[in-house]
Protein backbone atom coordinates (compact mmCIF):
# COMPACT_ATOMS: atom_id res chain seq x y z
CA UNK A 1 -13.60 65.13 57.36
CA UNK A 2 -12.78 61.28 57.83
CA UNK A 3 -10.34 59.91 55.19
CA UNK A 4 -11.61 57.13 52.91
CA UNK A 5 -9.35 54.26 52.25
CA UNK A 6 -11.49 52.43 49.94
CA UNK A 7 -9.59 53.71 46.67
CA UNK A 8 -6.58 52.64 48.05
CA UNK A 9 -7.65 49.11 48.76
CA UNK A 10 -9.04 49.09 45.32
CA UNK A 11 -5.68 49.68 43.63
CA UNK A 12 -3.81 47.56 46.02
CA UNK A 13 -5.95 44.65 45.30
CA UNK A 14 -5.34 45.30 41.45
CA UNK A 15 -1.60 45.24 41.68
CA UNK A 16 -1.86 42.30 43.91
CA UNK A 17 -3.72 40.33 41.42
CA UNK A 18 -1.15 41.44 38.65
CA UNK A 19 1.46 40.18 40.82
CA UNK A 20 -0.27 36.97 41.27
CA UNK A 21 -1.01 36.81 37.64
CA UNK A 22 3.17 37.36 36.95
CA UNK A 23 4.22 34.89 39.53
CA UNK A 24 1.96 32.19 37.95
CA UNK A 25 3.40 32.68 34.60
CA UNK A 26 6.81 32.78 35.85
CA UNK A 27 6.53 29.31 37.99
CA UNK A 28 4.64 27.74 34.85
CA UNK A 29 7.59 28.51 32.68
CA UNK A 30 9.81 26.47 34.94
CA UNK A 31 7.33 23.38 35.04
CA UNK A 32 6.26 22.66 31.63
CA UNK A 33 3.61 20.13 30.68
CA UNK A 34 4.77 16.89 29.59
CA UNK A 35 2.78 15.04 26.90
CA UNK A 36 1.33 11.69 27.89
CA UNK A 37 2.31 8.89 25.75
CA UNK A 38 0.00 6.21 26.90
CA UNK A 39 -1.68 6.06 23.35
CA UNK A 40 1.59 6.54 21.51
CA UNK A 41 -0.22 9.69 19.62
CA UNK A 42 -0.66 13.42 20.61
CA UNK A 43 -3.78 13.96 22.27
CA UNK A 44 -5.61 15.93 19.81
CA UNK A 45 -5.87 12.80 17.45
CA UNK A 46 -6.63 10.39 20.69
CA UNK A 47 -9.35 12.96 21.42
CA UNK A 48 -11.03 12.64 18.07
CA UNK A 49 -10.98 8.84 17.91
CA UNK A 50 -11.33 7.87 21.80
CA UNK A 51 -14.33 5.74 20.83
CA UNK A 52 -12.72 3.94 18.30
CA UNK A 53 -9.77 3.23 20.43
CA UNK A 54 -11.68 1.64 23.21
CA UNK A 55 -13.65 -0.39 21.16
CA UNK A 56 -10.62 -1.65 19.66
CA UNK A 57 -9.42 -2.32 23.14
CA UNK A 58 -12.03 -4.14 24.07
CA UNK A 59 -12.16 -6.62 20.80
CA UNK A 60 -8.27 -7.05 21.79
CA UNK A 61 -8.94 -8.03 25.29
CA UNK A 62 -11.73 -10.60 24.48
CA UNK A 63 -9.02 -12.51 22.14
CA UNK A 64 -5.86 -12.02 24.42
CA UNK A 65 -4.79 -11.58 27.89
CA UNK A 66 -1.70 -9.63 28.78
CA UNK A 67 0.31 -9.91 31.89
CA UNK A 68 3.45 -8.32 32.95
CA UNK A 69 5.73 -10.55 34.85
CA UNK A 70 7.29 -7.98 37.26
CA UNK A 71 4.29 -6.04 37.73
CA UNK A 72 4.61 -3.66 40.77
CA UNK A 73 7.74 -5.55 41.78
CA UNK A 74 11.37 -4.04 42.33
CA UNK A 75 13.71 -4.98 39.39
CA UNK A 76 17.40 -4.81 39.33
CA UNK A 77 19.48 -2.92 36.91
CA UNK A 78 19.92 -3.89 34.09
CA UNK A 79 16.92 -6.47 33.38
CA UNK A 80 14.99 -8.07 30.86
CA UNK A 81 11.39 -7.30 31.01
CA UNK A 82 8.69 -10.19 30.08
CA UNK A 83 5.26 -9.72 28.96
CA UNK A 84 2.78 -12.67 28.62
CA UNK A 85 0.35 -12.63 25.64
CA UNK A 86 -2.12 -15.72 26.02
CA UNK A 87 -4.37 -15.83 22.89
CA UNK A 88 -8.35 -16.88 24.49
CA UNK A 89 -9.03 -18.02 20.92
CA UNK A 90 -7.49 -20.29 18.33
CA UNK A 91 -7.65 -17.98 15.45
CA UNK A 92 -5.62 -15.00 16.99
CA UNK A 93 -2.21 -14.72 15.68
CA UNK A 94 0.62 -13.06 17.40
CA UNK A 95 0.29 -9.21 17.80
CA UNK A 96 2.62 -6.81 16.48
CA UNK A 97 3.63 -4.56 19.43
CA UNK A 98 5.65 -1.26 20.29
CA UNK A 99 7.17 -0.89 23.61
CA UNK A 100 8.19 2.38 25.30
CA UNK A 101 9.82 2.77 28.77
CA UNK A 102 9.36 6.22 30.57
CA UNK A 103 9.50 7.98 33.89
CA UNK A 104 5.93 9.05 34.59
CA UNK A 105 6.87 12.80 35.42
CA UNK A 106 9.34 13.36 32.24
CA UNK A 107 9.55 12.44 28.77
CA UNK A 108 13.46 12.99 29.00
CA UNK A 109 14.26 9.47 29.65
CA UNK A 110 11.98 8.07 27.20
CA UNK A 111 13.51 4.84 25.61
CA UNK A 112 11.70 2.71 22.63
CA UNK A 113 12.29 -1.22 23.48
CA UNK A 114 12.62 -3.98 21.09
CA UNK A 115 12.06 -7.53 22.13
CA UNK A 116 11.42 -10.94 20.55
CA UNK A 117 8.03 -12.72 21.00
CA UNK A 118 8.31 -16.57 21.33
CA UNK A 119 6.04 -19.05 22.96
CA UNK A 120 3.65 -16.42 24.01
CA UNK A 121 6.28 -14.28 26.19
CA UNK A 122 7.39 -11.11 24.86
CA UNK A 123 11.00 -10.54 26.22
CA UNK A 124 12.65 -7.22 25.77
CA UNK A 125 16.25 -6.49 25.16
CA UNK A 126 18.03 -5.80 28.61
CA UNK A 127 17.05 -2.69 29.86
CA UNK A 128 19.67 -0.44 31.91
CA UNK A 129 17.59 2.19 34.11
CA UNK A 130 19.25 5.25 34.26
CA UNK A 131 18.23 6.44 37.66
CA UNK A 132 16.28 4.07 40.35
CA UNK A 133 12.83 4.80 40.98
CA UNK A 134 9.45 4.79 39.21
CA UNK A 135 9.15 3.67 35.72
CA UNK A 136 6.46 2.53 33.34
CA UNK A 137 6.54 0.34 30.76
CA UNK A 138 4.02 1.61 27.96
CA UNK A 139 2.71 -1.20 25.53
CA UNK A 140 0.73 -1.12 22.32
CA UNK A 141 -0.50 -4.58 20.74
CA UNK A 142 -1.98 -4.50 17.29
CA UNK A 143 -3.45 -7.53 15.84
CA UNK A 144 -4.01 -7.17 12.15
CA UNK A 145 -6.15 -10.09 11.72
CA UNK A 146 -8.71 -8.91 14.16
CA UNK A 147 -8.26 -5.35 13.47
CA UNK A 148 -7.66 -4.51 17.00
CA UNK A 149 -5.19 -2.94 19.41
CA UNK A 150 -4.59 -2.45 22.92
CA UNK A 151 -2.66 -0.20 25.27
CA UNK A 152 -1.35 -1.19 28.32
CA UNK A 153 0.91 0.47 31.28
CA UNK A 154 2.89 -1.32 33.72
CA UNK A 155 4.52 0.08 36.81
CA UNK A 156 8.05 -0.69 37.41
CA UNK A 157 10.39 0.13 40.28
CA UNK A 158 14.09 0.11 39.55
CA UNK A 159 16.54 -0.64 42.32
CA UNK A 160 20.08 0.75 42.33
């Protein structure tokens, strides 16, 4: 009578699946999910209100143009960052703003920035990047008169 190895193969594949599941859990605990701060809120709120957010973004962009001076360029440390905000219509007043400097891969180095808006140029405080490399400047602009807000993400490469 010939031996049948099917039962051994089935048991071995079940054990291999359990080991693969355990390895996946161990690896995922070492690399936690980072929250995306692009909209300055938790993703659950964004998910509920995404249509209103996008409509508000379009309304803001019809009345303002926003341009980052150092977009996709290397900046020296420390540096002042500048964003040009140009109204497209005469009735648009200066928007309020929130600025967040972050690394794209982690929230550990997040830094809320203060700035001064004068003459259509928003100039931040002097920023001393803690590490060289890729950074992102997240900006939220809100205009109460128009009841509109917009979100922008600008890439920054910090030199040593």
